[in-house]
Amino acid sequence: MILDDRRNPEYSLYYQGFIFLSLIKKYKLMKNDLLGFFDFYKAKHKGKKITFPQFILLMDYLFLNNKVQLSKNGEIEICI
């Protein structure tokens, strides 16, 4: 769910995207593969757990909002 203010807003894509981009900016990690970003996110975000399908949905959300892109090498690049 993009915004979920009634049940658990910490599960919304909007919130998860904010957390992900904040961690990326804090640790200055600008390129990685999908599993590398997933492992990084799980290790650094001590809040709610995220599953891999939720993480894929998060990457889709960030891609559609032009916050991440794929490089020619197949890596994910952060566009912030």
C-alpha atoms as a PDB file:
ATOM      1  CA  MET A   1       0.000   0.000   0.000  1.00  0.00           C
ATOM      2  CA  ILE A   2       1.392   3.395  -0.912  1.00  0.00           C
ATOM      3  CA  LEU A   3      -0.170   5.225   2.054  1.00  0.00           C
ATOM      4  CA  ASP A   4      -1.783   3.433   4.963  1.00  0.00           C
ATOM      5  CA  ASP A   5      -2.581   5.831   7.774  1.00  0.00           C
ATOM      6  CA  ARG A   6      -5.137   3.659   9.570  1.00  0.00           C
ATOM      7  CA  ARG A   7      -3.353   0.410  10.394  1.00  0.00           C
ATOM      8  CA  ASN A   8       0.422   0.438  10.157  1.00  0.00           C
ATOM      9  CA  PRO A   9       1.871   3.453   8.362  1.00  0.00           C
ATOM     10  CA  GLU A  10       5.378   2.003   8.814  1.00  0.00           C
ATOM     11  CA  TYR A  11       4.467  -0.622   6.204  1.00  0.00           C
ATOM     12  CA  SER A  12       3.552   1.945   3.542  1.00  0.00           C
ATOM     13  CA  LEU A  13       5.758   2.316   0.476  1.00  0.00           C
ATOM     14  CA  TYR A  14       6.010   6.025   1.134  1.00  0.00           C
ATOM     15  CA  TYR A  15       7.502   5.442   4.596  1.00  0.00           C
ATOM     16  CA  GLN A  16       9.719   2.527   3.525  1.00  0.00           C
ATOM     17  CA  GLY A  17      11.003   4.610   0.597  1.00  0.00           C
ATOM     18  CA  PHE A  18      11.892   7.440   2.961  1.00  0.00           C
ATOM     19  CA  ILE A  19      13.762   5.064   5.278  1.00  0.00           C
ATOM     20  CA  PHE A  20      15.611   3.403   2.377  1.00  0.00           C
ATOM     21  CA  LEU A  21      16.700   6.687   0.775  1.00  0.00           C
ATOM     22  CA  SER A  22      17.703   8.114   4.162  1.00  0.00           C
ATOM     23  CA  LEU A  23      19.945   5.128   4.849  1.00  0.00           C
ATOM     24  CA  ILE A  24      21.453   5.306   1.362  1.00  0.00           C
ATOM     25  CA  LYS A  25      22.203   8.989   1.805  1.00  0.00           C
ATOM     26  CA  LYS A  26      23.633   8.484   5.314  1.00  0.00           C
ATOM     27  CA  TYR A  27      25.993   5.676   4.286  1.00  0.00           C
ATOM     28  CA  LYS A  28      26.716   7.109   0.800  1.00  0.00           C
ATOM     29  CA  LEU A  29      25.940   3.829  -0.974  1.00  0.00           C
ATOM     30  CA  MET A  30      24.971   4.831  -4.506  1.00  0.00           C
ATOM     31  CA  LYS A  31      25.304   1.613  -6.555  1.00  0.00           C
ATOM     32  CA  ASN A  32      24.675  -2.022  -5.780  1.00  0.00           C
ATOM     33  CA  ASP A  33      22.825  -5.074  -6.966  1.00  0.00           C
ATOM     34  CA  LEU A  34      19.333  -5.878  -5.743  1.00  0.00           C
ATOM     35  CA  LEU A  35      20.365  -8.443  -3.129  1.00  0.00           C
ATOM     36  CA  GLY A  36      23.105  -6.145  -1.877  1.00  0.00           C
ATOM     37  CA  PHE A  37      20.607  -3.353  -1.290  1.00  0.00           C
ATOM     38  CA  PHE A  38      18.174  -5.785   0.361  1.00  0.00           C
ATOM     39  CA  ASP A  39      20.833  -7.079   2.769  1.00  0.00           C
ATOM     40  CA  PHE A  40      21.999  -3.517   3.478  1.00  0.00           C
ATOM     41  CA  TYR A  41      18.445  -2.376   4.189  1.00  0.00           C
ATOM     42  CA  LYS A  42      17.689  -5.297   6.511  1.00  0.00           C
ATOM     43  CA  ALA A  43      20.944  -4.787   8.421  1.00  0.00           C
ATOM     44  CA  LYS A  44      20.671  -1.032   8.884  1.00  0.00           C
ATOM     45  CA  HIS A  45      16.913  -0.594   9.406  1.00  0.00           C
ATOM     46  CA  LYS A  46      16.197  -1.893  12.881  1.00  0.00           C
ATOM     47  CA  GLY A  47      12.477  -1.151  12.652  1.00  0.00           C
ATOM     48  CA  LYS A  48       9.832  -3.402  11.146  1.00  0.00           C
ATOM     49  CA  LYS A  49      10.961  -6.386   9.150  1.00  0.00           C
ATOM     50  CA  ILE A  50      10.563  -6.280   5.392  1.00  0.00           C
ATOM     51  CA  THR A  51      10.197  -9.307   3.167  1.00  0.00           C
ATOM     52  CA  PHE A  52      11.886  -9.646  -0.211  1.00  0.00           C
ATOM     53  CA  PRO A  53       8.582  -9.266  -2.137  1.00  0.00           C
ATOM     54  CA  GLN A  54       7.891  -6.060  -0.186  1.00  0.00           C
ATOM     55  CA  PHE A  55      11.389  -4.857  -1.029  1.00  0.00           C
ATOM     56  CA  ILE A  56      10.804  -5.550  -4.737  1.00  0.00           C
ATOM     57  CA  LEU A  57       7.583  -3.525  -4.519  1.00  0.00           C
ATOM     58  CA  LEU A  58       9.553  -0.750  -2.835  1.00  0.00           C
ATOM     59  CA  MET A  59      12.121  -0.783  -5.665  1.00  0.00           C
ATOM     60  CA  ASP A  60       9.277  -0.599  -8.207  1.00  0.00           C
ATOM     61  CA  TYR A  61       7.804   2.363  -6.343  1.00  0.00           C
ATOM     62  CA  LEU A  62      11.163   4.165  -6.253  1.00  0.00           C
ATOM     63  CA  PHE A  63      11.788   3.388  -9.942  1.00  0.00           C
ATOM     64  CA  LEU A  64       8.416   4.836 -10.932  1.00  0.00           C
ATOM     65  CA  ASN A  65       9.244   7.988  -8.957  1.00  0.00           C
ATOM     66  CA  ASN A  66      12.687   8.314 -10.614  1.00  0.00           C
ATOM     67  CA  LYS A  67      14.601   7.723  -7.371  1.00  0.00           C
ATOM     68  CA  VAL A  68      16.427   4.617  -8.653  1.00  0.00           C
ATOM     69  CA  GLN A  69      17.457   3.459 -12.119  1.00  0.00           C
ATOM     70  CA  LEU A  70      19.242   0.525 -13.719  1.00  0.00           C
ATOM     71  CA  SER A  71      22.746   1.065 -15.030  1.00  0.00           C
ATOM     72  CA  LYS A  72      24.114  -0.535 -18.195  1.00  0.00           C
ATOM     73  CA  ASN A  73      25.851  -3.109 -15.970  1.00  0.00           C
ATOM     74  CA  GLY A  74      22.556  -4.150 -14.376  1.00  0.00           C
ATOM     75  CA  GLU A  75      23.258  -2.417 -11.073  1.00  0.00           C
ATOM     76  CA  ILE A  76      20.726  -0.257  -9.295  1.00  0.00           C
ATOM     77  CA  GLU A  77      21.763   3.388  -9.115  1.00  0.00           C
ATOM     78  CA  ILE A  78      20.292   5.841  -6.662  1.00  0.00           C
ATOM     79  CA  CYS A  79      19.167   9.155  -8.184  1.00  0.00           C
ATOM     80  CA  ILE A  80      19.161  11.508  -5.199  1.00  0.00           C
END
